[in-house]
All heavy atoms as atom14 arrays in JSON, in Angstrom:
{
  "sequence": "LTTGTAARGKIIIGELTYSSGPNNTTPSIKLSENLEKLGFKLR",
  "atom14_mask": [
    [1, 1, 1, 1, 1, 1, 1, 1, 0, 0, 0, 0, 0, 0],
    [1, 1, 1, 1, 1, 1, 1, 0, 0, 0, 0, 0, 0, 0],
    [1, 1, 1, 1, 1, 1, 1, 0, 0, 0, 0, 0, 0, 0],
    [1, 1, 1, 1, 0, 0, 0, 0, 0, 0, 0, 0, 0, 0],
    [1, 1, 1, 1, 1, 1, 1, 0, 0, 0, 0, 0, 0, 0],
    [1, 1, 1, 1, 1, 0, 0, 0, 0, 0, 0, 0, 0, 0],
    [1, 1, 1, 1, 1, 0, 0, 0, 0, 0, 0, 0, 0, 0],
    [1, 1, 1, 1, 1, 1, 1, 1, 1, 1, 1, 0, 0, 0],
    [1, 1, 1, 1, 0, 0, 0, 0, 0, 0, 0, 0, 0, 0],
    [1, 1, 1, 1, 1, 1, 1, 1, 1, 0, 0, 0, 0, 0],
    [1, 1, 1, 1, 1, 1, 1, 1, 0, 0, 0, 0, 0, 0],
    [1, 1, 1, 1, 1, 1, 1, 1, 0, 0, 0, 0, 0, 0],
    [1, 1, 1, 1, 1, 1, 1, 1, 0, 0, 0, 0, 0, 0],
    [1, 1, 1, 1, 0, 0, 0, 0, 0, 0, 0, 0, 0, 0],
    [1, 1, 1, 1, 1, 1, 1, 1, 1, 0, 0, 0, 0, 0],
    [1, 1, 1, 1, 1, 1, 1, 1, 0, 0, 0, 0, 0, 0],
    [1, 1, 1, 1, 1, 1, 1, 0, 0, 0, 0, 0, 0, 0],
    [1, 1, 1, 1, 1, 1, 1, 1, 1, 1, 1, 1, 0, 0],
    [1, 1, 1, 1, 1, 1, 0, 0, 0, 0, 0, 0, 0, 0],
    [1, 1, 1, 1, 1, 1, 0, 0, 0, 0, 0, 0, 0, 0],
    [1, 1, 1, 1, 0, 0, 0, 0, 0, 0, 0, 0, 0, 0],
    [1, 1, 1, 1, 1, 1, 1, 0, 0, 0, 0, 0, 0, 0],
    [1, 1, 1, 1, 1, 1, 1, 1, 0, 0, 0, 0, 0, 0],
    [1, 1, 1, 1, 1, 1, 1, 1, 0, 0, 0, 0, 0, 0],
    [1, 1, 1, 1, 1, 1, 1, 0, 0, 0, 0, 0, 0, 0],
    [1, 1, 1, 1, 1, 1, 1, 0, 0, 0, 0, 0, 0, 0],
    [1, 1, 1, 1, 1, 1, 1, 0, 0, 0, 0, 0, 0, 0],
    [1, 1, 1, 1, 1, 1, 0, 0, 0, 0, 0, 0, 0, 0],
    [1, 1, 1, 1, 1, 1, 1, 1, 0, 0, 0, 0, 0, 0],
    [1, 1, 1, 1, 1, 1, 1, 1, 1, 0, 0, 0, 0, 0],
    [1, 1, 1, 1, 1, 1, 1, 1, 0, 0, 0, 0, 0, 0],
    [1, 1, 1, 1, 1, 1, 0, 0, 0, 0, 0, 0, 0, 0],
    [1, 1, 1, 1, 1, 1, 1, 1, 1, 0, 0, 0, 0, 0],
    [1, 1, 1, 1, 1, 1, 1, 1, 0, 0, 0, 0, 0, 0],
    [1, 1, 1, 1, 1, 1, 1, 1, 0, 0, 0, 0, 0, 0],
    [1, 1, 1, 1, 1, 1, 1, 1, 1, 0, 0, 0, 0, 0],
    [1, 1, 1, 1, 1, 1, 1, 1, 1, 0, 0, 0, 0, 0],
    [1, 1, 1, 1, 1, 1, 1, 1, 0, 0, 0, 0, 0, 0],
    [1, 1, 1, 1, 0, 0, 0, 0, 0, 0, 0, 0, 0, 0],
    [1, 1, 1, 1, 1, 1, 1, 1, 1, 1, 1, 0, 0, 0],
    [1, 1, 1, 1, 1, 1, 1, 1, 1, 0, 0, 0, 0, 0],
    [1, 1, 1, 1, 1, 1, 1, 1, 0, 0, 0, 0, 0, 0],
    [1, 1, 1, 1, 1, 1, 1, 1, 1, 1, 1, 0, 0, 0]
  ],
  "atom14_positions": [
    [[-1.57, -8.41, 0.54], [-0.4, -7.53, 0.8], [-0.34, -6.45, -0.18], [-0.34, -6.68, -1.37], [0.95, -8.3, 0.8], [1.07, -9.53, 1.66], [2.49, -10.15, 1.49], [0.92, -9.08, 3.15], [0.0, 0.0, 0.0], [0.0, 0.0, 0.0], [0.0, 0.0, 0.0], [0.0, 0.0, 0.0], [0.0, 0.0, 0.0], [0.0, 0.0, 0.0]],
    [[-0.39, -5.18, 0.35], [-0.25, -3.99, -0.59], [0.74, -2.96, 0.14], [0.25, -1.93, 0.67], [-1.62, -3.31, -0.68], [-2.12, -2.82, 0.63], [-2.55, -4.24, -1.23], [0.0, 0.0, 0.0], [0.0, 0.0, 0.0], [0.0, 0.0, 0.0], [0.0, 0.0, 0.0], [0.0, 0.0, 0.0], [0.0, 0.0, 0.0], [0.0, 0.0, 0.0]],
    [[2.03, -3.27, 0.17], [3.04, -2.57, 0.88], [3.45, -1.33, 0.31], [4.2, -0.62, 0.95], [4.2, -3.47, 1.24], [4.75, -3.99, 0.03], [3.75, -4.59, 2.18], [0.0, 0.0, 0.0], [0.0, 0.0, 0.0], [0.0, 0.0, 0.0], [0.0, 0.0, 0.0], [0.0, 0.0, 0.0], [0.0, 0.0, 0.0], [0.0, 0.0, 0.0]],
    [[3.17, -1.05, -0.99], [3.6, 0.1, -1.65], [5.05, 0.23, -1.78], [5.86, -0.65, -2.1], [0.0, 0.0, 0.0], [0.0, 0.0, 0.0], [0.0, 0.0, 0.0], [0.0, 0.0, 0.0], [0.0, 0.0, 0.0], [0.0, 0.0, 0.0], [0.0, 0.0, 0.0], [0.0, 0.0, 0.0], [0.0, 0.0, 0.0], [0.0, 0.0, 0.0]],
    [[5.48, 1.48, -1.47], [6.96, 1.75, -1.45], [7.64, 1.66, -0.1], [8.8, 2.09, 0.05], [7.3, 3.2, -2.11], [6.58, 4.11, -1.34], [6.7, 3.24, -3.52], [0.0, 0.0, 0.0], [0.0, 0.0, 0.0], [0.0, 0.0, 0.0], [0.0, 0.0, 0.0], [0.0, 0.0, 0.0], [0.0, 0.0, 0.0], [0.0, 0.0, 0.0]],
    [[6.91, 1.19, 0.89], [7.39, 1.21, 2.27], [8.23, -0.05, 2.4], [8.98, -0.15, 3.45], [6.24, 1.08, 3.26], [0.0, 0.0, 0.0], [0.0, 0.0, 0.0], [0.0, 0.0, 0.0], [0.0, 0.0, 0.0], [0.0, 0.0, 0.0], [0.0, 0.0, 0.0], [0.0, 0.0, 0.0], [0.0, 0.0, 0.0], [0.0, 0.0, 0.0]],
    [[8.2, -1.18, 1.55], [8.93, -2.4, 1.81], [10.44, -2.22, 1.64], [11.0, -1.94, 0.59], [8.39, -3.4, 0.79], [0.0, 0.0, 0.0], [0.0, 0.0, 0.0], [0.0, 0.0, 0.0], [0.0, 0.0, 0.0], [0.0, 0.0, 0.0], [0.0, 0.0, 0.0], [0.0, 0.0, 0.0], [0.0, 0.0, 0.0], [0.0, 0.0, 0.0]],
    [[11.11, -2.2, 2.77], [12.52, -1.84, 2.89], [12.84, -0.56, 2.16], [13.85, -0.43, 1.51], [13.38, -3.03, 2.37], [13.56, -4.08, 3.36], [14.57, -5.17, 3.12], [14.38, -5.93, 1.87], [14.66, -7.24, 1.77], [15.28, -7.94, 2.71], [14.5, -7.82, 0.73], [0.0, 0.0, 0.0], [0.0, 0.0, 0.0], [0.0, 0.0, 0.0]],
    [[11.95, 0.47, 2.36], [12.04, 1.7, 1.65], [13.38, 2.45, 2.13], [13.79, 2.38, 3.23], [0.0, 0.0, 0.0], [0.0, 0.0, 0.0], [0.0, 0.0, 0.0], [0.0, 0.0, 0.0], [0.0, 0.0, 0.0], [0.0, 0.0, 0.0], [0.0, 0.0, 0.0], [0.0, 0.0, 0.0], [0.0, 0.0, 0.0], [0.0, 0.0, 0.0]],
    [[14.0, 3.08, 1.09], [15.22, 3.85, 1.41], [15.06, 5.2, 0.62], [14.95, 5.17, -0.58], [16.45, 3.05, 0.97], [17.75, 3.9, 1.25], [19.01, 3.13, 1.08], [19.41, 2.82, -0.33], [20.63, 2.29, -0.61], [0.0, 0.0, 0.0], [0.0, 0.0, 0.0], [0.0, 0.0, 0.0], [0.0, 0.0, 0.0], [0.0, 0.0, 0.0]],
    [[15.15, 6.3, 1.29], [14.98, 7.59, 0.73], [16.39, 8.06, 0.4], [17.35, 7.96, 1.17], [14.3, 8.6, 1.64], [12.8, 8.36, 1.49], [14.62, 9.99, 1.26], [11.89, 9.3, 2.25], [0.0, 0.0, 0.0], [0.0, 0.0, 0.0], [0.0, 0.0, 0.0], [0.0, 0.0, 0.0], [0.0, 0.0, 0.0], [0.0, 0.0, 0.0]],
    [[16.62, 8.65, -0.82], [17.91, 9.19, -1.22], [17.77, 10.71, -1.71], [16.98, 11.06, -2.49], [18.36, 8.33, -2.37], [18.5, 6.83, -1.98], [19.76, 8.91, -2.9], [18.51, 5.9, -3.22], [0.0, 0.0, 0.0], [0.0, 0.0, 0.0], [0.0, 0.0, 0.0], [0.0, 0.0, 0.0], [0.0, 0.0, 0.0], [0.0, 0.0, 0.0]],
    [[18.61, 11.51, -1.06], [18.67, 12.92, -1.47], [20.16, 13.28, -1.51], [20.87, 13.41, -0.56], [17.99, 13.86, -0.43], [16.58, 13.46, -0.19], [18.07, 15.23, -0.91], [15.85, 14.31, 0.94], [0.0, 0.0, 0.0], [0.0, 0.0, 0.0], [0.0, 0.0, 0.0], [0.0, 0.0, 0.0], [0.0, 0.0, 0.0], [0.0, 0.0, 0.0]],
    [[20.72, 13.36, -2.75], [22.06, 13.49, -2.9], [22.89, 12.38, -2.25], [22.7, 11.23, -2.52], [0.0, 0.0, 0.0], [0.0, 0.0, 0.0], [0.0, 0.0, 0.0], [0.0, 0.0, 0.0], [0.0, 0.0, 0.0], [0.0, 0.0, 0.0], [0.0, 0.0, 0.0], [0.0, 0.0, 0.0], [0.0, 0.0, 0.0], [0.0, 0.0, 0.0]],
    [[23.86, 12.86, -1.39], [24.64, 11.83, -0.69], [23.93, 11.19, 0.58], [24.44, 10.19, 1.08], [26.03, 12.37, -0.34], [26.85, 12.85, -1.47], [26.53, 14.2, -1.87], [25.79, 14.88, -1.32], [27.18, 14.61, -3.08], [0.0, 0.0, 0.0], [0.0, 0.0, 0.0], [0.0, 0.0, 0.0], [0.0, 0.0, 0.0], [0.0, 0.0, 0.0]],
    [[22.78, 11.8, 0.88], [22.05, 11.38, 2.1], [21.18, 10.11, 1.74], [20.38, 10.27, 0.74], [21.24, 12.61, 2.59], [20.29, 12.17, 3.69], [21.06, 11.8, 5.07], [19.28, 13.31, 3.98], [0.0, 0.0, 0.0], [0.0, 0.0, 0.0], [0.0, 0.0, 0.0], [0.0, 0.0, 0.0], [0.0, 0.0, 0.0], [0.0, 0.0, 0.0]],
    [[21.32, 9.0, 2.49], [20.38, 7.88, 2.3], [19.9, 7.5, 3.77], [20.79, 7.53, 4.66], [20.98, 6.73, 1.65], [21.98, 6.12, 2.48], [21.58, 7.12, 0.29], [0.0, 0.0, 0.0], [0.0, 0.0, 0.0], [0.0, 0.0, 0.0], [0.0, 0.0, 0.0], [0.0, 0.0, 0.0], [0.0, 0.0, 0.0], [0.0, 0.0, 0.0]],
    [[18.64, 7.15, 3.94], [18.08, 6.53, 5.04], [16.85, 5.82, 4.93], [16.25, 5.86, 3.91], [17.86, 7.79, 6.22], [16.84, 8.82, 5.58], [15.53, 8.73, 5.98], [17.27, 9.87, 4.86], [14.69, 9.62, 5.52], [16.42, 10.91, 4.43], [15.07, 10.71, 4.8], [14.19, 11.64, 4.3], [0.0, 0.0, 0.0], [0.0, 0.0, 0.0]],
    [[16.69, 4.85, 5.92], [15.71, 3.91, 5.8], [14.35, 4.72, 6.11], [14.24, 5.28, 7.12], [15.84, 2.8, 6.94], [14.72, 1.82, 6.81], [0.0, 0.0, 0.0], [0.0, 0.0, 0.0], [0.0, 0.0, 0.0], [0.0, 0.0, 0.0], [0.0, 0.0, 0.0], [0.0, 0.0, 0.0], [0.0, 0.0, 0.0], [0.0, 0.0, 0.0]],
    [[13.32, 4.52, 5.16], [12.12, 5.31, 5.28], [11.17, 4.84, 4.36], [11.48, 4.36, 3.23], [12.34, 6.74, 5.18], [11.17, 7.53, 5.17], [0.0, 0.0, 0.0], [0.0, 0.0, 0.0], [0.0, 0.0, 0.0], [0.0, 0.0, 0.0], [0.0, 0.0, 0.0], [0.0, 0.0, 0.0], [0.0, 0.0, 0.0], [0.0, 0.0, 0.0]],
    [[9.92, 4.87, 4.63], [8.76, 4.87, 3.78], [8.61, 6.09, 3.07], [9.24, 7.02, 3.15], [0.0, 0.0, 0.0], [0.0, 0.0, 0.0], [0.0, 0.0, 0.0], [0.0, 0.0, 0.0], [0.0, 0.0, 0.0], [0.0, 0.0, 0.0], [0.0, 0.0, 0.0], [0.0, 0.0, 0.0], [0.0, 0.0, 0.0], [0.0, 0.0, 0.0]],
    [[7.52, 6.25, 2.29], [7.23, 7.5, 1.46], [6.87, 8.6, 2.52], [6.33, 8.43, 3.61], [6.08, 7.21, 0.59], [5.39, 5.98, 1.3], [6.48, 5.2, 1.84], [0.0, 0.0, 0.0], [0.0, 0.0, 0.0], [0.0, 0.0, 0.0], [0.0, 0.0, 0.0], [0.0, 0.0, 0.0], [0.0, 0.0, 0.0], [0.0, 0.0, 0.0]],
    [[7.27, 9.82, 2.12], [7.07, 10.97, 2.9], [7.55, 10.91, 4.42], [6.84, 11.33, 5.23], [5.44, 11.24, 2.98], [5.11, 12.67, 3.09], [5.69, 13.55, 2.44], [4.2, 12.99, 3.98], [0.0, 0.0, 0.0], [0.0, 0.0, 0.0], [0.0, 0.0, 0.0], [0.0, 0.0, 0.0], [0.0, 0.0, 0.0], [0.0, 0.0, 0.0]],
    [[8.69, 10.29, 4.57], [9.27, 10.15, 5.71], [8.54, 9.36, 6.83], [8.5, 9.76, 7.96], [9.67, 11.54, 6.48], [10.97, 12.22, 5.7], [11.81, 11.41, 5.31], [10.89, 13.45, 5.5], [0.0, 0.0, 0.0], [0.0, 0.0, 0.0], [0.0, 0.0, 0.0], [0.0, 0.0, 0.0], [0.0, 0.0, 0.0], [0.0, 0.0, 0.0]],
    [[7.92, 8.27, 6.37], [7.17, 7.54, 7.28], [7.95, 6.29, 7.61], [9.03, 5.96, 7.07], [5.77, 7.05, 6.55], [6.12, 6.39, 5.39], [4.87, 8.23, 6.35], [0.0, 0.0, 0.0], [0.0, 0.0, 0.0], [0.0, 0.0, 0.0], [0.0, 0.0, 0.0], [0.0, 0.0, 0.0], [0.0, 0.0, 0.0], [0.0, 0.0, 0.0]],
    [[7.53, 5.46, 8.6], [8.08, 4.26, 8.99], [8.13, 3.28, 7.94], [7.08, 2.97, 7.44], [7.4, 3.65, 10.24], [7.35, 4.62, 11.19], [8.15, 2.43, 10.8], [0.0, 0.0, 0.0], [0.0, 0.0, 0.0], [0.0, 0.0, 0.0], [0.0, 0.0, 0.0], [0.0, 0.0, 0.0], [0.0, 0.0, 0.0], [0.0, 0.0, 0.0]],
    [[9.29, 2.66, 7.61], [9.44, 1.61, 6.49], [8.99, 0.22, 7.15], [8.92, 0.0, 8.31], [10.84, 1.67, 6.19], [11.58, 1.97, 7.38], [10.66, 2.94, 8.13], [0.0, 0.0, 0.0], [0.0, 0.0, 0.0], [0.0, 0.0, 0.0], [0.0, 0.0, 0.0], [0.0, 0.0, 0.0], [0.0, 0.0, 0.0], [0.0, 0.0, 0.0]],
    [[8.62, -0.66, 6.23], [8.46, -2.05, 6.63], [9.67, -2.88, 6.24], [9.98, -2.98, 5.03], [7.24, -2.65, 5.77], [7.05, -4.02, 6.05], [0.0, 0.0, 0.0], [0.0, 0.0, 0.0], [0.0, 0.0, 0.0], [0.0, 0.0, 0.0], [0.0, 0.0, 0.0], [0.0, 0.0, 0.0], [0.0, 0.0, 0.0], [0.0, 0.0, 0.0]],
    [[10.26, -3.4, 7.33], [11.49, -4.16, 7.0], [11.35, -5.73, 7.05], [11.75, -6.36, 6.13], [12.69, -3.68, 8.0], [12.85, -2.16, 8.03], [13.97, -4.39, 7.8], [13.28, -1.54, 6.73], [0.0, 0.0, 0.0], [0.0, 0.0, 0.0], [0.0, 0.0, 0.0], [0.0, 0.0, 0.0], [0.0, 0.0, 0.0], [0.0, 0.0, 0.0]],
    [[10.83, -6.18, 8.1], [10.84, -7.62, 8.38], [9.83, -8.32, 7.44], [10.22, -9.56, 7.1], [10.57, -7.84, 9.82], [11.56, -7.35, 10.83], [11.24, -7.82, 12.22], [12.33, -7.36, 13.11], [12.07, -7.65, 14.54], [0.0, 0.0, 0.0], [0.0, 0.0, 0.0], [0.0, 0.0, 0.0], [0.0, 0.0, 0.0], [0.0, 0.0, 0.0]],
    [[8.87, -7.75, 6.9], [8.02, -8.42, 6.05], [8.62, -8.86, 4.73], [8.36, -10.14, 4.3], [6.69, -7.54, 5.67], [5.61, -8.33, 4.88], [5.07, -9.6, 5.57], [4.49, -7.35, 4.61], [0.0, 0.0, 0.0], [0.0, 0.0, 0.0], [0.0, 0.0, 0.0], [0.0, 0.0, 0.0], [0.0, 0.0, 0.0], [0.0, 0.0, 0.0]],
    [[9.48, -8.11, 4.26], [10.27, -8.46, 2.98], [11.22, -9.64, 3.36], [11.25, -10.55, 2.49], [11.13, -7.28, 2.57], [10.29, -6.28, 1.83], [0.0, 0.0, 0.0], [0.0, 0.0, 0.0], [0.0, 0.0, 0.0], [0.0, 0.0, 0.0], [0.0, 0.0, 0.0], [0.0, 0.0, 0.0], [0.0, 0.0, 0.0], [0.0, 0.0, 0.0]],
    [[11.87, -9.56, 4.47], [12.7, -10.61, 4.86], [11.88, -12.05, 4.98], [12.38, -13.01, 4.64], [13.42, -10.36, 6.17], [14.36, -9.17, 6.04], [14.8, -8.59, 7.38], [14.38, -9.13, 8.45], [15.69, -7.72, 7.52], [0.0, 0.0, 0.0], [0.0, 0.0, 0.0], [0.0, 0.0, 0.0], [0.0, 0.0, 0.0], [0.0, 0.0, 0.0]],
    [[10.68, -11.78, 5.57], [9.82, -13.07, 5.67], [9.44, -13.53, 4.33], [9.38, -14.78, 4.06], [8.55, -12.58, 6.57], [7.64, -13.8, 6.82], [6.53, -13.71, 6.54], [8.23, -14.88, 7.34], [0.0, 0.0, 0.0], [0.0, 0.0, 0.0], [0.0, 0.0, 0.0], [0.0, 0.0, 0.0], [0.0, 0.0, 0.0], [0.0, 0.0, 0.0]],
    [[9.04, -12.62, 3.36], [8.69, -13.11, 2.06], [9.84, -13.88, 1.39], [9.65, -14.94, 0.63], [8.19, -11.95, 1.15], [6.91, -11.29, 1.59], [6.74, -9.96, 0.69], [5.75, -12.32, 1.33], [0.0, 0.0, 0.0], [0.0, 0.0, 0.0], [0.0, 0.0, 0.0], [0.0, 0.0, 0.0], [0.0, 0.0, 0.0], [0.0, 0.0, 0.0]],
    [[11.04, -13.34, 1.55], [12.28, -14.04, 0.89], [12.38, -15.42, 1.69], [12.64, -16.44, 0.84], [13.44, -13.27, 1.14], [13.47, -11.99, 0.19], [14.76, -11.08, 0.42], [15.19, -11.03, 1.57], [15.16, -10.65, -0.6], [0.0, 0.0, 0.0], [0.0, 0.0, 0.0], [0.0, 0.0, 0.0], [0.0, 0.0, 0.0], [0.0, 0.0, 0.0]],
    [[12.2, -15.57, 2.94], [12.23, -16.84, 3.56], [11.17, -17.84, 3.09], [11.43, -19.06, 3.0], [12.14, -16.64, 5.09], [13.36, -16.12, 5.73], [13.15, -15.94, 7.28], [14.4, -15.22, 7.84], [14.09, -14.93, 9.29], [0.0, 0.0, 0.0], [0.0, 0.0, 0.0], [0.0, 0.0, 0.0], [0.0, 0.0, 0.0], [0.0, 0.0, 0.0]],
    [[10.09, -17.33, 2.62], [8.99, -18.24, 2.13], [9.17, -18.57, 0.66], [8.32, -19.2, 0.05], [7.64, -17.31, 2.26], [7.15, -17.13, 3.67], [6.07, -16.26, 3.76], [6.83, -18.64, 4.24], [0.0, 0.0, 0.0], [0.0, 0.0, 0.0], [0.0, 0.0, 0.0], [0.0, 0.0, 0.0], [0.0, 0.0, 0.0], [0.0, 0.0, 0.0]],
    [[10.31, -17.99, 0.13], [10.67, -18.39, -1.22], [10.29, -17.52, -2.4], [10.51, -17.76, -3.49], [0.0, 0.0, 0.0], [0.0, 0.0, 0.0], [0.0, 0.0, 0.0], [0.0, 0.0, 0.0], [0.0, 0.0, 0.0], [0.0, 0.0, 0.0], [0.0, 0.0, 0.0], [0.0, 0.0, 0.0], [0.0, 0.0, 0.0], [0.0, 0.0, 0.0]],
    [[9.91, -16.21, -2.1], [9.54, -15.31, -3.07], [10.7, -14.46, -3.61], [11.68, -14.24, -2.99], [8.45, -14.24, -2.49], [7.09, -14.7, -2.32], [6.69, -15.08, -1.02], [6.25, -14.92, -3.43], [5.43, -15.63, -0.85], [4.93, -15.31, -3.26], [4.54, -15.85, -1.9], [0.0, 0.0, 0.0], [0.0, 0.0, 0.0], [0.0, 0.0, 0.0]],
    [[10.66, -14.29, -4.92], [11.72, -13.62, -5.67], [11.38, -12.11, -5.55], [10.4, -11.72, -6.12], [11.86, -14.05, -7.0], [12.73, -13.24, -7.92], [14.16, -13.49, -7.72], [15.06, -12.87, -8.76], [16.51, -12.85, -8.39], [0.0, 0.0, 0.0], [0.0, 0.0, 0.0], [0.0, 0.0, 0.0], [0.0, 0.0, 0.0], [0.0, 0.0, 0.0]],
    [[12.17, -11.34, -4.86], [12.04, -9.77, -4.82], [13.01, -9.16, -5.65], [14.05, -9.72, -5.95], [12.13, -9.31, -3.46], [11.17, -10.09, -2.31], [11.4, -9.42, -0.95], [9.78, -10.01, -2.7], [0.0, 0.0, 0.0], [0.0, 0.0, 0.0], [0.0, 0.0, 0.0], [0.0, 0.0, 0.0], [0.0, 0.0, 0.0], [0.0, 0.0, 0.0]],
    [[12.68, -7.87, -6.02], [13.74, -7.07, -6.7], [13.52, -5.61, -6.24], [12.46, -5.26, -5.65], [13.65, -7.09, -8.32], [12.36, -6.67, -8.84], [12.4, -6.79, -10.4], [13.58, -6.23, -10.98], [13.97, -6.37, -12.29], [13.29, -7.31, -13.04], [14.88, -5.84, -12.82], [0.0, 0.0, 0.0], [0.0, 0.0, 0.0], [0.0, 0.0, 0.0]]
  ]
}
């Protein structure tokens, strides 16, 4: 697994926040949730 900054990525510009990977790409959401279910500690 080499998900970089896409794992539940959230871009922040001032008051604006939105779900996104780097450079406005599609984020990876469910893989992080799966890792937590498998017992991994995330931060």
